[in-house]
Protein backbone atom coordinates (compact mmCIF):
# COMPACT_ATOMS: atom_id res chain seq x y z
CA MET A 1 0.11 -0.04 0.07
CA VAL A 2 1.24 3.39 -1.27
CA LEU A 3 -0.20 6.33 1.09
CA THR A 4 -0.81 9.10 -1.66
CA SER A 5 -2.13 11.56 0.80
CA GLU A 6 -0.53 14.90 1.53
CA PRO A 7 1.36 14.31 4.96
CA ASP A 8 0.63 16.63 8.58
CA GLN A 9 3.59 18.69 8.16
CA SER A 10 3.99 18.60 12.24
CA SER A 11 4.74 14.89 12.09
CA GLY A 12 5.98 13.72 8.95
CA ILE A 13 2.89 11.24 8.73
CA ALA A 14 0.31 10.75 6.11
CA HIS A 15 -3.45 10.37 7.25
CA PRO A 16 -5.74 9.16 4.42
CA LYS A 17 -9.06 9.05 6.87
CA GLU A 18 -9.99 6.22 5.13
CA GLY A 19 -7.85 3.72 6.03
CA PHE A 20 -8.86 4.35 9.59
CA GLN A 21 -12.58 2.82 9.59
CA LYS A 22 -13.38 -0.52 11.21
CA THR A 23 -13.70 -3.50 9.05
CA SER A 24 -14.69 -7.17 8.66
CA TRP A 25 -11.49 -7.72 8.01
CA LEU A 26 -9.86 -6.69 11.59
CA ASP A 27 -13.12 -8.49 12.80
CA GLN A 28 -12.25 -12.18 11.75
CA THR A 29 -8.28 -11.64 11.93
CA ILE A 30 -7.94 -10.25 15.35
CA PRO A 31 -9.69 -13.19 17.37
CA VAL A 32 -7.70 -15.47 15.11
CA LEU A 33 -4.22 -13.78 16.28
CA GLU A 34 -5.52 -14.10 19.79
CA LYS A 35 -5.31 -17.61 20.06
CA LEU A 36 -2.05 -18.09 18.56
CA GLN A 37 0.85 -19.58 20.50
CA PRO A 38 2.88 -17.62 22.48
CA GLU A 39 6.04 -17.42 20.05
CA GLN A 40 3.70 -18.70 17.44
CA THR A 41 3.66 -16.37 14.07
CA VAL A 42 1.38 -15.86 10.86
CA GLU A 43 1.70 -13.51 8.09
CA LEU A 44 -0.61 -11.16 6.77
CA VAL A 45 -1.42 -8.44 3.86
CA ILE A 46 -3.20 -6.05 5.98
CA PRO A 47 -6.21 -5.14 3.07
CA GLN A 48 -5.27 -2.57 0.89
CA GLY A 49 -6.95 0.74 1.66
CA MET A 50 -6.27 0.20 5.45
CA ASP A 51 -3.85 2.19 6.91
CA TYR A 52 -0.92 -0.11 8.41
CA ARG A 53 -0.99 2.53 11.87
CA PHE A 54 -4.76 2.13 12.21
CA PHE A 55 -3.93 -1.79 12.04
CA ILE A 56 -1.36 -1.93 14.78
CA ALA A 57 -3.66 0.73 16.85
CA GLU A 58 -6.58 -1.79 16.85
CA LEU A 59 -3.99 -5.16 17.48
CA GLY A 60 -2.99 -3.31 20.79
CA ARG A 61 -6.26 -1.34 21.87
CA SER A 62 -7.93 -4.75 23.60
CA ALA A 63 -6.91 -5.16 27.30
CA ARG A 64 -5.18 -8.34 27.54
CA PRO A 65 -1.88 -9.39 29.66
CA TYR A 66 0.39 -10.33 26.92
CA GLU A 67 2.38 -8.82 23.77
CA PHE A 68 1.64 -8.64 20.22
CA GLY A 69 5.45 -8.07 18.22
CA GLY A 70 6.19 -8.24 14.85
CA VAL A 71 7.54 -6.17 11.10
CA CYS A 72 5.34 -4.46 8.46
CA ASN A 73 6.08 -3.08 4.78
CA PRO A 74 4.26 -0.06 4.38
CA ASN A 75 3.97 -0.24 0.85
CA THR A 76 2.89 -3.44 0.04
CA GLY A 77 0.95 -4.35 3.66
CA SER A 78 2.65 -7.82 3.64
CA THR A 79 3.33 -8.30 7.84
CA ILE A 80 4.31 -11.24 10.22
CA VAL A 81 2.74 -11.05 13.26
CA ILE A 82 4.10 -12.77 16.75
CA LYS A 83 2.62 -12.81 19.90
CA GLY A 84 4.59 -13.08 22.87
CA TYR A 85 4.09 -13.93 26.63
CA ALA A 86 1.68 -13.12 29.63
CA VAL A 87 4.15 -12.35 32.55
CA GLY A 88 4.75 -15.24 34.72
CA GLU A 89 4.35 -17.43 31.40
CA LYS A 90 8.02 -17.59 30.79
CA ALA A 91 10.44 -18.26 33.90
CA ALA A 92 13.27 -15.72 32.63
CA PHE A 93 11.10 -12.86 32.31
CA SER A 94 9.35 -10.35 34.65
CA ASN A 95 7.78 -8.51 32.14
CA ALA A 96 5.80 -9.32 28.80
CA THR A 97 7.84 -9.66 25.98
CA THR A 98 7.90 -10.78 22.23
CA SER A 99 10.63 -12.21 20.44
CA PHE A 100 12.39 -9.91 18.61
CA VAL A 101 11.29 -10.57 14.56
CA LYS A 102 14.30 -9.78 11.78
CA SER A 103 13.10 -7.07 9.05
CA ARG A 104 13.31 -8.65 5.94
CA SER A 105 15.62 -7.88 2.99
CA ASN A 106 14.99 -6.45 -0.32
CA PRO A 107 17.15 -7.93 -3.40
CA ASP A 108 19.49 -5.32 -2.85
CA GLY A 109 20.35 -6.03 1.28
CA SER A 110 18.07 -3.09 2.03
CA THR A 111 14.40 -3.15 3.49
CA ASP A 112 11.47 -1.18 3.97
CA ASP A 113 9.75 -2.77 7.00
CA ILE A 114 9.48 -1.34 10.14
CA PHE A 115 8.99 -2.71 13.51
CA PHE A 116 5.93 -2.67 15.95
CA HIS A 117 4.53 -4.52 19.07
CA THR A 118 1.85 -3.56 21.36
CA HIS A 119 1.72 -2.92 24.95
CA PRO A 120 -0.60 -5.33 27.69
CA TRP A 121 -2.93 -3.31 30.11
CA SER A 122 -5.29 -4.35 32.27
CA GLU A 123 -8.76 -2.49 32.72
CA ASP A 124 -9.29 -4.10 36.22
CA GLU A 125 -5.84 -2.85 37.66
CA PRO A 126 -5.18 0.63 38.13
CA LEU A 127 -3.16 2.62 35.80
CA ARG A 128 0.33 2.21 36.89
CA GLU A 129 2.12 5.72 38.87
CA LEU A 130 -0.97 6.88 37.99
CA ARG A 131 0.06 7.51 34.30
CA GLN A 132 -3.03 9.05 31.69
CA PRO A 133 -3.66 6.35 29.23
CA ASP A 134 -1.48 7.60 25.92
CA SER A 135 1.14 6.50 28.44
CA SER A 136 0.75 3.27 28.16
CA CYS A 137 1.85 3.07 24.54
CA ARG A 138 5.00 4.54 25.49
CA PRO A 139 8.54 3.09 24.03
CA SER A 140 10.45 2.21 27.03
CA ASP A 141 14.86 2.84 27.72
CA SER A 142 15.28 -0.73 26.01
CA ASP A 143 12.38 -0.26 22.87
CA ILE A 144 14.67 3.32 21.96
CA ASN A 145 17.86 2.07 22.58
CA ASN A 146 17.00 -1.48 20.38
CA THR A 147 15.74 0.95 17.22
CA MET A 148 18.72 3.09 17.56
CA ALA A 149 21.13 0.01 17.15
CA LEU A 150 19.15 -0.93 14.42
CA ARG A 151 19.95 2.22 13.09
CA THR A 152 23.51 1.55 13.79
CA ILE A 153 23.35 -1.95 12.37
CA GLU A 154 21.59 -0.76 8.75
CA GLU A 155 23.83 2.27 9.04
CA GLU A 156 27.26 0.30 9.56
CA ALA A 157 26.27 -2.20 6.26
CA GLY A 158 26.03 0.88 4.23
CA PHE A 159 22.18 1.73 4.53
CA GLU A 160 21.07 5.14 5.32
CA ARG A 161 16.93 4.92 6.06
CA THR A 162 15.57 5.84 9.22
CA VAL A 163 13.97 3.07 11.75
CA VAL A 164 10.96 3.01 12.27
CA LEU A 165 9.58 1.45 15.97
CA ILE A 166 5.45 2.01 16.34
CA ILE A 167 3.53 1.08 19.89
CA GLY A 168 0.04 0.20 20.52
CA SER A 169 -1.84 -0.07 23.55
CA ARG A 170 -5.30 1.53 24.40
CA GLY A 171 -6.20 3.11 21.31
CA PHE A 172 -2.93 5.28 21.24
CA ILE A 173 0.22 4.65 19.42
CA SER A 174 3.88 6.56 19.88
CA VAL A 175 6.00 6.54 16.91
CA THR A 176 9.55 6.34 17.24
CA GLU A 177 12.04 7.26 15.03
CA ALA A 178 15.78 7.05 14.80
CA SER A 179 17.25 8.49 12.60
CA GLY A 180 21.22 8.35 13.10
CA VAL A 181 23.44 10.26 15.70
CA LYS A 182 24.23 13.27 14.30
CA PHE A 183 27.11 14.59 16.96
CA ASN A 184 28.42 17.91 16.83
CA GLU A 185 30.97 17.81 19.46
CA SER A 186 32.20 21.91 18.34
CA SER A 187 28.25 23.08 19.07
CA LEU A 188 28.67 21.15 22.97
CA THR A 189 31.76 23.05 23.20
CA GLN A 190 30.62 26.19 22.55
CA ALA A 191 27.37 25.48 25.03
CA GLY A 192 29.87 25.20 27.56
CA LEU A 193 30.52 21.13 28.17
CA THR A 194 33.57 20.31 29.55
CA ASP A 195 36.11 17.14 27.45
CA SER A 196 34.83 14.97 30.23
CA GLN A 197 30.78 15.15 29.86
CA ILE A 198 31.41 15.07 25.98
CA LEU A 199 33.77 12.36 26.18
CA GLU A 200 31.15 10.51 28.59
CA ILE A 201 28.46 11.51 25.83
CA LYS A 202 30.67 10.03 23.11
CA ARG A 203 30.72 6.75 24.94
CA TYR A 204 27.02 6.88 25.75
CA LEU A 205 26.59 7.45 22.56
CA ALA A 206 28.74 4.19 21.47
CA LEU A 207 31.12 7.51 19.00
CA SER A 208 34.33 6.61 21.56
CA PRO A 209 34.87 2.87 23.00
CA PRO A 210 33.97 2.17 27.00
CA VAL A 211 36.59 3.39 30.27
CA TRP A 212 36.93 -0.30 30.45
CA LEU A 213 39.11 -0.83 26.96
CA LYS A 214 42.46 0.13 28.65
CA ASN A 215 42.25 -3.35 30.90
CA TYR A 216 42.20 -5.01 27.84
CA ALA A 217 46.04 -3.66 26.92
CA LYS A 218 48.56 -7.11 27.41
CA ASP A 219 51.18 -4.11 29.33
CA PRO A 220 51.40 -0.57 30.41
CA ALA A 221 53.33 0.13 27.12
CA SER A 222 50.28 -1.54 24.94
CA GLU A 223 47.66 0.93 26.50
CA ALA A 224 48.06 3.46 24.46
CA ASP A 225 48.17 1.80 20.84
CA LEU A 226 45.05 -0.12 21.69
CA ILE A 227 42.94 2.96 22.24
CA ARG A 228 44.08 4.66 19.59
CA ILE A 229 43.36 1.58 17.11
CA VAL A 230 40.40 1.44 18.70
CA ASN A 231 39.20 4.58 18.82
CA GLU A 232 39.85 4.83 14.84
CA TYR A 233 37.67 1.98 14.53
CA TYR A 234 34.93 4.27 16.41
CA LEU A 235 35.11 6.55 13.45
CA ARG A 236 35.10 4.02 10.51
CA ARG A 237 32.18 1.67 11.63
CA THR A 238 29.84 4.18 9.80
CA THR A 239 31.26 6.25 8.20
CA ASP A 240 33.38 4.08 5.84
CA LYS A 241 30.96 2.15 3.35
CA SER A 242 33.86 1.50 1.27
CA ALA A 243 33.66 -1.82 3.16
CA SER A 244 32.00 -4.56 4.92
CA PHE A 245 30.51 -4.99 8.86
CA SER A 246 32.82 -8.28 8.64
CA THR A 247 35.89 -6.58 7.22
CA LYS A 248 36.10 -3.98 9.81
CA LYS A 249 35.42 -6.63 12.53
CA GLN A 250 38.07 -8.90 11.30
CA GLU A 251 40.75 -5.80 10.38
CA LEU A 252 40.08 -4.55 14.12
CA GLN A 253 40.95 -7.41 15.71
CA GLU A 254 44.34 -8.52 13.28
CA GLN A 255 45.40 -4.60 14.74
CA ILE A 256 44.84 -5.30 18.28
CA ARG A 257 45.87 -9.15 18.33
CA PRO A 258 49.28 -7.28 19.16
CA TYR A 259 48.62 -5.34 22.80
CA VAL A 260 45.43 -7.26 24.13
CA LYS A 261 46.56 -9.63 26.73
CA ASN A 262 45.66 -13.27 26.51
CA ASP A 263 45.01 -15.56 29.61
CA SER A 264 45.32 -19.39 28.30
CA TYR A 265 42.93 -20.13 31.36
CA ARG A 266 39.67 -18.06 30.19
CA ARG A 267 38.35 -17.50 27.46
CA ASP A 268 39.97 -15.94 24.06
CA ASP A 269 39.91 -12.23 25.26
CA LEU A 270 41.13 -10.85 21.95
CA GLN A 271 37.32 -12.62 20.63
CA ARG A 272 35.51 -11.30 23.88
CA LEU A 273 37.08 -7.89 23.44
CA VAL A 274 36.01 -7.73 19.37
CA ASP A 275 32.89 -9.07 20.13
CA SER A 276 32.15 -6.16 22.71
CA LEU A 277 33.35 -3.08 20.94
CA THR A 278 31.53 -5.17 17.52
CA SER A 279 28.32 -5.05 19.84
CA HIS A 280 28.90 -1.02 20.94
CA PHE A 281 25.25 0.46 20.50
CA PRO A 282 24.03 3.72 21.01
CA LYS A 283 21.48 4.53 23.95
CA TYR A 284 19.18 7.11 24.10
CA PRO A 285 20.39 9.48 27.35
CA GLY A 286 16.89 9.49 28.59
CA GLY A 287 16.63 9.49 32.14
CA GLY A 288 18.96 11.52 34.65
CA PHE A 289 22.22 10.48 33.14
CA LEU A 290 22.51 14.23 31.35
CA THR A 291 21.86 15.56 35.12
CA ASN A 292 24.12 12.88 36.75
CA ILE A 293 27.02 14.42 34.63
CA GLY A 294 25.80 18.21 34.98
CA LEU A 295 24.29 19.08 31.98
CA SER A 296 21.57 22.04 32.05
CA PRO A 297 18.11 21.60 30.56
CA GLU A 298 18.99 23.47 27.75
CA GLN A 299 22.78 21.53 26.96
CA SER A 300 21.03 17.98 27.70
CA ALA A 301 18.27 19.41 25.69
CA MET A 302 21.13 19.61 22.31
CA VAL A 303 22.58 16.33 22.85
CA LYS A 304 19.29 14.58 23.05
CA HIS A 305 18.67 16.18 19.59
CA MET A 306 21.80 14.97 18.29
CA THR A 307 20.72 11.53 19.10
CA GLY A 308 18.21 11.55 15.61
CA VAL A 309 15.67 9.98 18.11
CA THR A 310 12.25 11.37 17.58
CA ILE A 311 8.67 10.40 20.03
CA THR A 312 5.05 10.99 18.85
CA VAL A 313 2.54 9.86 20.58
CA PHE A 314 -1.21 10.22 18.71
CA LYS A 315 -4.69 8.64 19.50
CA VAL A 316 -6.13 6.94 17.05
CA ASP A 317 -9.95 6.46 16.78
CA GLY A 318 -11.93 4.80 13.94
CA GLY A 319 -13.01 6.71 10.89
CA ILE A 320 -11.02 10.15 11.71
CA PRO A 321 -7.13 10.64 10.87
CA PRO A 322 -5.11 10.48 13.72
CA SER A 323 -4.45 13.27 16.15
CA GLN A 324 -1.13 14.13 17.45
CA ILE A 325 -1.14 13.98 21.12
CA TYR A 326 2.97 15.39 22.28
CA GLU A 327 6.27 15.03 21.06
């Protein structure tokens, strides 16, 4: 399905009115999805003319203790849905959760899929922390961080696109968009941030290696070379489009090999370090991180803007375009 209506200039989202109508297809499909077993998946095609965001909103509208998740191609309506577990159904999880569904690749390796899931809720329990109903669809810290990580993975593979996560719950949806970190160190310096504060932020955004990197140095004389080489890798990981991720990973391993200790009584320190560095992804600086390192509200807003993350919440009612609650 290709959206042809004009986008809402405040959010960049197209809102065709006819795409938000209740249909017999929804009445038939959602009960079938609810009968799936946990971790069971089904592939379906959202009917032409129905907006995929309306489908996600309707999927999360009902009160239920478990989540649905999956991926959806907004252009074709092709969707994979997986049913998750409720709290207590799987011993390893204290929260309702779904397994991750990988995006589907086009012939050139790119993807058009967006990610989605629902958040569980109950009519019998008071809203946690007196939250308003629209807050139930807000992304968690892990939701935001996972979206940023997926954006980094695609960027490392040479693809530039905004990665989108939509969460539906109680008739609301949140749209989390990660367009990639656009860090401007000089702007932060001009805004009064110190070198140590900037370094903490760069580590948080996976633009500089973790502070514990020096612990892997073979000896004191190797520490500076190890840090230099890894810093060069961090600069290359998303900017160098001439080499694949696997090539850059292999080159990193060979370049740092002479400087990394290796304890024969433990797992290979070199491989463990490379795995840790190549899976170091940016995190959204929410919560108290920026406050704890001494940033003002204005400075914090600058850093958050540089993450490339936007979160917009919409109320979705049948028959009318969704209305933006806040961003």
